[in-house]
Amino acid sequence: MDTQQFAGGNERFIRRYEYDDSWVIAADTGLPEEDLSVDIVGATAIVVVESGDRVTETELELPGEDASVETNNGVLTITVQK
């Protein structure tokens, strides 16, 4: 397993794990599930956060196109099959 870790300007962490059959990108957003939406377009994840009257959009380049998305307790997980 290979791990990479990044911190954004707000010090929230994004981690990327590489396994034999997949990559996993995990982001601790600290937000309720209803405030997050994710669209996968090709090898790009478009993450939209709607919090109150503020909307933010972030694009993440994925290492492949076969991706699935889950959210649980404020943690966004994107799994990409190799």
PDB file of N, CA and C in Angstrom:
ATOM      1  N   MET A   1       0.849  -1.176   0.000  1.00  0.00           N
ATOM      2  CA  MET A   1       0.000   0.000   0.000  1.00  0.00           C
ATOM      3  C   MET A   1       0.891   1.234   0.000  1.00  0.00           C
ATOM      4  N   ASP A   2       0.569   2.171  -0.854  1.00  0.00           N
ATOM      5  CA  ASP A   2       1.277   3.439  -0.950  1.00  0.00           C
ATOM      6  C   ASP A   2       0.313   4.530  -0.504  1.00  0.00           C
ATOM      7  N   THR A   3       0.789   5.489   0.300  1.00  0.00           N
ATOM      8  CA  THR A   3      -0.075   6.534   0.828  1.00  0.00           C
ATOM      9  C   THR A   3       0.497   7.904   0.501  1.00  0.00           C
ATOM     10  N   GLN A   4      -0.373   8.832   0.084  1.00  0.00           N
ATOM     11  CA  GLN A   4      -0.001  10.228  -0.082  1.00  0.00           C
ATOM     12  C   GLN A   4      -1.008  11.049   0.695  1.00  0.00           C
ATOM     13  N   GLN A   5      -0.554  12.160   1.277  1.00  0.00           N
ATOM     14  CA  GLN A   5      -1.440  12.976   2.100  1.00  0.00           C
ATOM     15  C   GLN A   5      -1.256  14.442   1.728  1.00  0.00           C
ATOM     16  N   PHE A   6      -2.366  15.163   1.626  1.00  0.00           N
ATOM     17  CA  PHE A   6      -2.338  16.573   1.267  1.00  0.00           C
ATOM     18  C   PHE A   6      -3.229  17.340   2.238  1.00  0.00           C
ATOM     19  N   ALA A   7      -2.877  18.583   2.526  1.00  0.00           N
ATOM     20  CA  ALA A   7      -3.728  19.440   3.351  1.00  0.00           C
ATOM     21  C   ALA A   7      -4.032  20.697   2.555  1.00  0.00           C
ATOM     22  N   GLY A   8      -5.301  21.072   2.531  1.00  0.00           N
ATOM     23  CA  GLY A   8      -5.693  22.287   1.830  1.00  0.00           C
ATOM     24  C   GLY A   8      -5.517  23.503   2.723  1.00  0.00           C
ATOM     25  N   GLY A   9      -5.939  24.640   2.233  1.00  0.00           N
ATOM     26  CA  GLY A   9      -5.826  25.880   2.976  1.00  0.00           C
ATOM     27  C   GLY A   9      -6.593  25.873   4.281  1.00  0.00           C
ATOM     28  N   ASN A  10      -7.638  25.050   4.359  1.00  0.00           N
ATOM     29  CA  ASN A  10      -8.428  24.967   5.584  1.00  0.00           C
ATOM     30  C   ASN A  10      -7.945  23.834   6.486  1.00  0.00           C
ATOM     31  N   GLU A  11      -6.783  23.217   6.133  1.00  0.00           N
ATOM     32  CA  GLU A  11      -6.162  22.135   6.896  1.00  0.00           C
ATOM     33  C   GLU A  11      -6.999  20.859   6.951  1.00  0.00           C
ATOM     34  N   ARG A  12      -7.947  20.700   6.058  1.00  0.00           N
ATOM     35  CA  ARG A  12      -8.660  19.422   5.947  1.00  0.00           C
ATOM     36  C   ARG A  12      -7.819  18.506   5.082  1.00  0.00           C
ATOM     37  N   PHE A  13      -7.771  17.252   5.457  1.00  0.00           N
ATOM     38  CA  PHE A  13      -6.852  16.328   4.802  1.00  0.00           C
ATOM     39  C   PHE A  13      -7.508  15.535   3.690  1.00  0.00           C
ATOM     40  N   ILE A  14      -6.729  15.334   2.647  1.00  0.00           N
ATOM     41  CA  ILE A  14      -7.087  14.416   1.569  1.00  0.00           C
ATOM     42  C   ILE A  14      -5.972  13.383   1.514  1.00  0.00           C
ATOM     43  N   ARG A  15      -6.355  12.129   1.553  1.00  0.00           N
ATOM     44  CA  ARG A  15      -5.364  11.053   1.488  1.00  0.00           C
ATOM     45  C   ARG A  15      -5.636  10.193   0.266  1.00  0.00           C
ATOM     46  N   ARG A  16      -4.547   9.709  -0.330  1.00  0.00           N
ATOM     47  CA  ARG A  16      -4.690   8.795  -1.460  1.00  0.00           C
ATOM     48  C   ARG A  16      -3.928   7.523  -1.125  1.00  0.00           C
ATOM     49  N   TYR A  17      -4.637   6.411  -1.213  1.00  0.00           N
ATOM     50  CA  TYR A  17      -4.049   5.105  -0.941  1.00  0.00           C
ATOM     51  C   TYR A  17      -4.018   4.320  -2.241  1.00  0.00           C
ATOM     52  N   GLU A  18      -2.923   3.609  -2.475  1.00  0.00           N
ATOM     53  CA  GLU A  18      -2.839   2.768  -3.662  1.00  0.00           C
ATOM     54  C   GLU A  18      -2.725   1.314  -3.223  1.00  0.00           C
ATOM     55  N   TYR A  19      -3.638   0.500  -3.726  1.00  0.00           N
ATOM     56  CA  TYR A  19      -3.646  -0.935  -3.463  1.00  0.00           C
ATOM     57  C   TYR A  19      -3.372  -1.667  -4.775  1.00  0.00           C
ATOM     58  N   ASP A  20      -3.245  -2.985  -4.708  1.00  0.00           N
ATOM     59  CA  ASP A  20      -2.965  -3.767  -5.910  1.00  0.00           C
ATOM     60  C   ASP A  20      -4.034  -3.595  -6.984  1.00  0.00           C
ATOM     61  N   ASP A  21      -5.313  -3.492  -6.566  1.00  0.00           N
ATOM     62  CA  ASP A  21      -6.412  -3.455  -7.532  1.00  0.00           C
ATOM     63  C   ASP A  21      -7.161  -2.129  -7.602  1.00  0.00           C
ATOM     64  N   SER A  22      -6.791  -1.152  -6.746  1.00  0.00           N
ATOM     65  CA  SER A  22      -7.540   0.109  -6.741  1.00  0.00           C
ATOM     66  C   SER A  22      -6.738   1.231  -6.094  1.00  0.00           C
ATOM     67  N   TRP A  23      -7.221   2.460  -6.324  1.00  0.00           N
ATOM     68  CA  TRP A  23      -6.769   3.642  -5.615  1.00  0.00           C
ATOM     69  C   TRP A  23      -7.955   4.107  -4.787  1.00  0.00           C
ATOM     70  N   VAL A  24      -7.702   4.615  -3.601  1.00  0.00           N
ATOM     71  CA  VAL A  24      -8.756   5.164  -2.757  1.00  0.00           C
ATOM     72  C   VAL A  24      -8.354   6.582  -2.377  1.00  0.00           C
ATOM     73  N   ILE A  25      -9.254   7.524  -2.639  1.00  0.00           N
ATOM     74  CA  ILE A  25      -9.049   8.915  -2.254  1.00  0.00           C
ATOM     75  C   ILE A  25     -10.064   9.212  -1.162  1.00  0.00           C
ATOM     76  N   ALA A  26      -9.571   9.643   0.011  1.00  0.00           N
ATOM     77  CA  ALA A  26     -10.447   9.915   1.150  1.00  0.00           C
ATOM     78  C   ALA A  26     -10.236  11.353   1.610  1.00  0.00           C
ATOM     79  N   ALA A  27     -11.337  12.077   1.774  1.00  0.00           N
ATOM     80  CA  ALA A  27     -11.278  13.469   2.221  1.00  0.00           C
ATOM     81  C   ALA A  27     -12.190  13.644   3.425  1.00  0.00           C
ATOM     82  N   ASP A  28     -11.632  14.129   4.526  1.00  0.00           N
ATOM     83  CA  ASP A  28     -12.424  14.404   5.722  1.00  0.00           C
ATOM     84  C   ASP A  28     -12.995  15.810   5.586  1.00  0.00           C
ATOM     85  N   THR A  29     -14.252  15.892   5.138  1.00  0.00           N
ATOM     86  CA  THR A  29     -14.866  17.199   4.878  1.00  0.00           C
ATOM     87  C   THR A  29     -15.480  17.810   6.128  1.00  0.00           C
ATOM     88  N   GLY A  30     -15.889  16.960   7.072  1.00  0.00           N
ATOM     89  CA  GLY A  30     -16.556  17.458   8.263  1.00  0.00           C
ATOM     90  C   GLY A  30     -17.951  17.995   7.990  1.00  0.00           C
ATOM     91  N   LEU A  31     -18.499  17.692   6.818  1.00  0.00           N
ATOM     92  CA  LEU A  31     -19.808  18.216   6.418  1.00  0.00           C
ATOM     93  C   LEU A  31     -20.854  17.113   6.414  1.00  0.00           C
ATOM     94  N   PRO A  32     -22.117  17.476   6.632  1.00  0.00           N
ATOM     95  CA  PRO A  32     -23.176  16.469   6.509  1.00  0.00           C
ATOM     96  C   PRO A  32     -23.315  15.996   5.063  1.00  0.00           C
ATOM     97  N   GLU A  33     -23.741  14.755   4.905  1.00  0.00           N
ATOM     98  CA  GLU A  33     -23.853  14.131   3.582  1.00  0.00           C
ATOM     99  C   GLU A  33     -24.729  14.936   2.630  1.00  0.00           C
ATOM    100  N   GLU A  34     -25.784  15.563   3.142  1.00  0.00           N
ATOM    101  CA  GLU A  34     -26.699  16.308   2.268  1.00  0.00           C
ATOM    102  C   GLU A  34     -26.071  17.588   1.703  1.00  0.00           C
ATOM    103  N   ASP A  35     -24.934  18.037   2.256  1.00  0.00           N
ATOM    104  CA  ASP A  35     -24.249  19.221   1.731  1.00  0.00           C
ATOM    105  C   ASP A  35     -23.258  18.892   0.616  1.00  0.00           C
ATOM    106  N   LEU A  36     -22.983  17.591   0.392  1.00  0.00           N
ATOM    107  CA  LEU A  36     -21.996  17.157  -0.599  1.00  0.00           C
ATOM    108  C   LEU A  36     -22.661  16.497  -1.791  1.00  0.00           C
ATOM    109  N   SER A  37     -22.167  16.793  -2.982  1.00  0.00           N
ATOM    110  CA  SER A  37     -22.562  16.017  -4.159  1.00  0.00           C
ATOM    111  C   SER A  37     -21.321  15.845  -5.029  1.00  0.00           C
ATOM    112  N   VAL A  38     -21.220  14.670  -5.647  1.00  0.00           N
ATOM    113  CA  VAL A  38     -20.047  14.348  -6.458  1.00  0.00           C
ATOM    114  C   VAL A  38     -20.510  13.781  -7.784  1.00  0.00           C
ATOM    115  N   ASP A  39     -19.966  14.311  -8.868  1.00  0.00           N
ATOM    116  CA  ASP A  39     -20.186  13.771 -10.208  1.00  0.00           C
ATOM    117  C   ASP A  39     -18.841  13.306 -10.738  1.00  0.00           C
ATOM    118  N   ILE A  40     -18.834  12.137 -11.356  1.00  0.00           N
ATOM    119  CA  ILE A  40     -17.630  11.623 -11.998  1.00  0.00           C
ATOM    120  C   ILE A  40     -17.807  11.798 -13.504  1.00  0.00           C
ATOM    121  N   VAL A  41     -16.900  12.539 -14.123  1.00  0.00           N
ATOM    122  CA  VAL A  41     -16.921  12.762 -15.567  1.00  0.00           C
ATOM    123  C   VAL A  41     -15.559  12.323 -16.097  1.00  0.00           C
ATOM    124  N   GLY A  42     -15.541  11.173 -16.762  1.00  0.00           N
ATOM    125  CA  GLY A  42     -14.266  10.633 -17.230  1.00  0.00           C
ATOM    126  C   GLY A  42     -13.368  10.337 -16.046  1.00  0.00           C
ATOM    127  N   ALA A  43     -12.194  10.954 -16.029  1.00  0.00           N
ATOM    128  CA  ALA A  43     -11.238  10.762 -14.940  1.00  0.00           C
ATOM    129  C   ALA A  43     -11.194  11.979 -14.017  1.00  0.00           C
ATOM    130  N   THR A  44     -12.335  12.673 -13.901  1.00  0.00           N
ATOM    131  CA  THR A  44     -12.427  13.849 -13.037  1.00  0.00           C
ATOM    132  C   THR A  44     -13.607  13.702 -12.088  1.00  0.00           C
ATOM    133  N   ALA A  45     -13.363  13.976 -10.804  1.00  0.00           N
ATOM    134  CA  ALA A  45     -14.444  14.031  -9.816  1.00  0.00           C
ATOM    135  C   ALA A  45     -14.755  15.501  -9.568  1.00  0.00           C
ATOM    136  N   ILE A  46     -16.012  15.874  -9.729  1.00  0.00           N
ATOM    137  CA  ILE A  46     -16.450  17.240  -9.470  1.00  0.00           C
ATOM    138  C   ILE A  46     -17.213  17.213  -8.154  1.00  0.00           C
ATOM    139  N   VAL A  47     -16.628  17.839  -7.129  1.00  0.00           N
ATOM    140  CA  VAL A  47     -17.203  17.843  -5.786  1.00  0.00           C
ATOM    141  C   VAL A  47     -17.842  19.204  -5.555  1.00  0.00           C
ATOM    142  N   VAL A  48     -19.142  19.200  -5.249  1.00  0.00           N
ATOM    143  CA  VAL A  48     -19.877  20.435  -4.990  1.00  0.00           C
ATOM    144  C   VAL A  48     -20.341  20.418  -3.538  1.00  0.00           C
ATOM    145  N   VAL A  49     -20.045  21.509  -2.829  1.00  0.00           N
ATOM    146  CA  VAL A  49     -20.461  21.657  -1.438  1.00  0.00           C
ATOM    147  C   VAL A  49     -21.434  22.822  -1.373  1.00  0.00           C
ATOM    148  N   GLU A  50     -22.637  22.554  -0.854  1.00  0.00           N
ATOM    149  CA  GLU A  50     -23.642  23.596  -0.646  1.00  0.00           C
ATOM    150  C   GLU A  50     -23.859  23.719   0.848  1.00  0.00           C
ATOM    151  N   SER A  51     -23.358  24.801   1.423  1.00  0.00           N
ATOM    152  CA  SER A  51     -23.469  25.020   2.859  1.00  0.00           C
ATOM    153  C   SER A  51     -24.105  26.389   3.087  1.00  0.00           C
ATOM    154  N   GLY A  52     -25.363  26.379   3.513  1.00  0.00           N
ATOM    155  CA  GLY A  52     -26.092  27.633   3.660  1.00  0.00           C
ATOM    156  C   GLY A  52     -26.293  28.277   2.308  1.00  0.00           C
ATOM    157  N   ASP A  53     -25.884  29.542   2.167  1.00  0.00           N
ATOM    158  CA  ASP A  53     -26.018  30.233   0.878  1.00  0.00           C
ATOM    159  C   ASP A  53     -24.710  30.209   0.081  1.00  0.00           C
ATOM    160  N   ARG A  54     -23.757  29.409   0.525  1.00  0.00           N
ATOM    161  CA  ARG A  54     -22.449  29.330  -0.147  1.00  0.00           C
ATOM    162  C   ARG A  54     -22.308  28.010  -0.901  1.00  0.00           C
ATOM    163  N   VAL A  55     -21.851  28.097  -2.156  1.00  0.00           N
ATOM    164  CA  VAL A  55     -21.623  26.911  -2.986  1.00  0.00           C
ATOM    165  C   VAL A  55     -20.167  26.934  -3.445  1.00  0.00           C
ATOM    166  N   THR A  56     -19.464  25.824  -3.211  1.00  0.00           N
ATOM    167  CA  THR A  56     -18.081  25.693  -3.678  1.00  0.00           C
ATOM    168  C   THR A  56     -17.948  24.451  -4.535  1.00  0.00           C
ATOM    169  N   GLU A  57     -17.118  24.550  -5.552  1.00  0.00           N
ATOM    170  CA  GLU A  57     -16.903  23.429  -6.463  1.00  0.00           C
ATOM    171  C   GLU A  57     -15.404  23.169  -6.580  1.00  0.00           C
ATOM    172  N   THR A  58     -15.032  21.895  -6.478  1.00  0.00           N
ATOM    173  CA  THR A  58     -13.637  21.485  -6.596  1.00  0.00           C
ATOM    174  C   THR A  58     -13.548  20.324  -7.570  1.00  0.00           C
ATOM    175  N   GLU A  59     -12.543  20.342  -8.422  1.00  0.00           N
ATOM    176  CA  GLU A  59     -12.328  19.233  -9.349  1.00  0.00           C
ATOM    177  C   GLU A  59     -11.082  18.471  -8.925  1.00  0.00           C
ATOM    178  N   LEU A  60     -11.201  17.148  -8.882  1.00  0.00           N
ATOM    179  CA  LEU A  60     -10.082  16.278  -8.548  1.00  0.00           C
ATOM    180  C   LEU A  60      -9.790  15.383  -9.738  1.00  0.00           C
ATOM    181  N   GLU A  61      -8.551  15.378 -10.179  1.00  0.00           N
ATOM    182  CA  GLU A  61      -8.158  14.468 -11.252  1.00  0.00           C
ATOM    183  C   GLU A  61      -7.975  13.083 -10.648  1.00  0.00           C
ATOM    184  N   LEU A  62      -8.631  12.105 -11.226  1.00  0.00           N
ATOM    185  CA  LEU A  62      -8.562  10.734 -10.741  1.00  0.00           C
ATOM    186  C   LEU A  62      -7.557   9.943 -11.571  1.00  0.00           C
ATOM    187  N   PRO A  63      -6.977   8.884 -10.983  1.00  0.00           N
ATOM    188  CA  PRO A  63      -6.006   8.078 -11.724  1.00  0.00           C
ATOM    189  C   PRO A  63      -6.641   7.104 -12.713  1.00  0.00           C
ATOM    190  N   GLY A  64      -7.961   7.153 -12.881  1.00  0.00           N
ATOM    191  CA  GLY A  64      -8.664   6.282 -13.818  1.00  0.00           C
ATOM    192  C   GLY A  64     -10.120   6.698 -13.910  1.00  0.00           C
ATOM    193  N   GLU A  65     -10.899   5.979 -14.730  1.00  0.00           N
ATOM    194  CA  GLU A  65     -12.293   6.362 -14.968  1.00  0.00           C
ATOM    195  C   GLU A  65     -13.316   5.481 -14.265  1.00  0.00           C
ATOM    196  N   ASP A  66     -12.941   4.299 -13.803  1.00  0.00           N
ATOM    197  CA  ASP A  66     -13.880   3.363 -13.181  1.00  0.00           C
ATOM    198  C   ASP A  66     -13.980   3.671 -11.690  1.00  0.00           C
ATOM    199  N   ALA A  67     -14.786   4.692 -11.327  1.00  0.00           N
ATOM    200  CA  ALA A  67     -14.815   5.201  -9.957  1.00  0.00           C
ATOM    201  C   ALA A  67     -16.184   5.038  -9.311  1.00  0.00           C
ATOM    202  N   SER A  68     -16.161   4.841  -7.986  1.00  0.00           N
ATOM    203  CA  SER A  68     -17.388   4.837  -7.188  1.00  0.00           C
ATOM    204  C   SER A  68     -17.193   5.806  -6.025  1.00  0.00           C
ATOM    205  N   VAL A  69     -18.312   6.365  -5.534  1.00  0.00           N
ATOM    206  CA  VAL A  69     -18.271   7.406  -4.509  1.00  0.00           C
ATOM    207  C   VAL A  69     -19.124   6.992  -3.323  1.00  0.00           C
ATOM    208  N   GLU A  70     -18.610   7.243  -2.111  1.00  0.00           N
ATOM    209  CA  GLU A  70     -19.372   7.027  -0.881  1.00  0.00           C
ATOM    210  C   GLU A  70     -19.097   8.182   0.069  1.00  0.00           C
ATOM    211  N   THR A  71     -20.075   8.510   0.910  1.00  0.00           N
ATOM    212  CA  THR A  71     -19.861   9.453   2.000  1.00  0.00           C
ATOM    213  C   THR A  71     -20.391   8.828   3.277  1.00  0.00           C
ATOM    214  N   ASN A  72     -19.650   9.051   4.363  1.00  0.00           N
ATOM    215  CA  ASN A  72     -20.050   8.503   5.652  1.00  0.00           C
ATOM    216  C   ASN A  72     -19.450   9.375   6.751  1.00  0.00           C
ATOM    217  N   ASN A  73     -20.307   9.962   7.584  1.00  0.00           N
ATOM    218  CA  ASN A  73     -19.865  10.798   8.704  1.00  0.00           C
ATOM    219  C   ASN A  73     -18.896  11.898   8.280  1.00  0.00           C
ATOM    220  N   GLY A  74     -19.174  12.544   7.161  1.00  0.00           N
ATOM    221  CA  GLY A  74     -18.350  13.653   6.707  1.00  0.00           C
ATOM    222  C   GLY A  74     -17.099  13.263   5.950  1.00  0.00           C
ATOM    223  N   VAL A  75     -16.891  11.954   5.748  1.00  0.00           N
ATOM    224  CA  VAL A  75     -15.725  11.495   4.998  1.00  0.00           C
ATOM    225  C   VAL A  75     -16.172  11.091   3.595  1.00  0.00           C
ATOM    226  N   LEU A  76     -15.597  11.739   2.603  1.00  0.00           N
ATOM    227  CA  LEU A  76     -15.865  11.436   1.200  1.00  0.00           C
ATOM    228  C   LEU A  76     -14.816  10.438   0.735  1.00  0.00           C
ATOM    229  N   THR A  77     -15.267   9.317   0.175  1.00  0.00           N
ATOM    230  CA  THR A  77     -14.355   8.281  -0.308  1.00  0.00           C
ATOM    231  C   THR A  77     -14.639   8.005  -1.777  1.00  0.00           C
ATOM    232  N   ILE A  78     -13.606   8.115  -2.598  1.00  0.00           N
ATOM    233  CA  ILE A  78     -13.706   7.796  -4.022  1.00  0.00           C
ATOM    234  C   ILE A  78     -12.770   6.620  -4.282  1.00  0.00           C
ATOM    235  N   THR A  79     -13.330   5.528  -4.784  1.00  0.00           N
ATOM    236  CA  THR A  79     -12.541   4.339  -5.092  1.00  0.00           C
ATOM    237  C   THR A  79     -12.461   4.190  -6.602  1.00  0.00           C
ATOM    238  N   VAL A  80     -11.242   4.063  -7.110  1.00  0.00           N
ATOM    239  CA  VAL A  80     -11.013   3.930  -8.548  1.00  0.00           C
ATOM    240  C   VAL A  80     -10.364   2.574  -8.794  1.00  0.00           C
ATOM    241  N   GLN A  81     -11.022   1.758  -9.605  1.00  0.00           N
ATOM    242  CA  GLN A  81     -10.472   0.441  -9.939  1.00  0.00           C
ATOM    243  C   GLN A  81      -9.352   0.595 -10.958  1.00  0.00           C
ATOM    244  N   LYS A  82      -8.317  -0.224 -10.809  1.00  0.00           N
ATOM    245  CA  LYS A  82      -7.190  -0.198 -11.764  1.00  0.00           C
ATOM    246  C   LYS A  82      -7.555  -0.969 -13.004  1.00  0.00           C
TER     247      LYS A  82
END
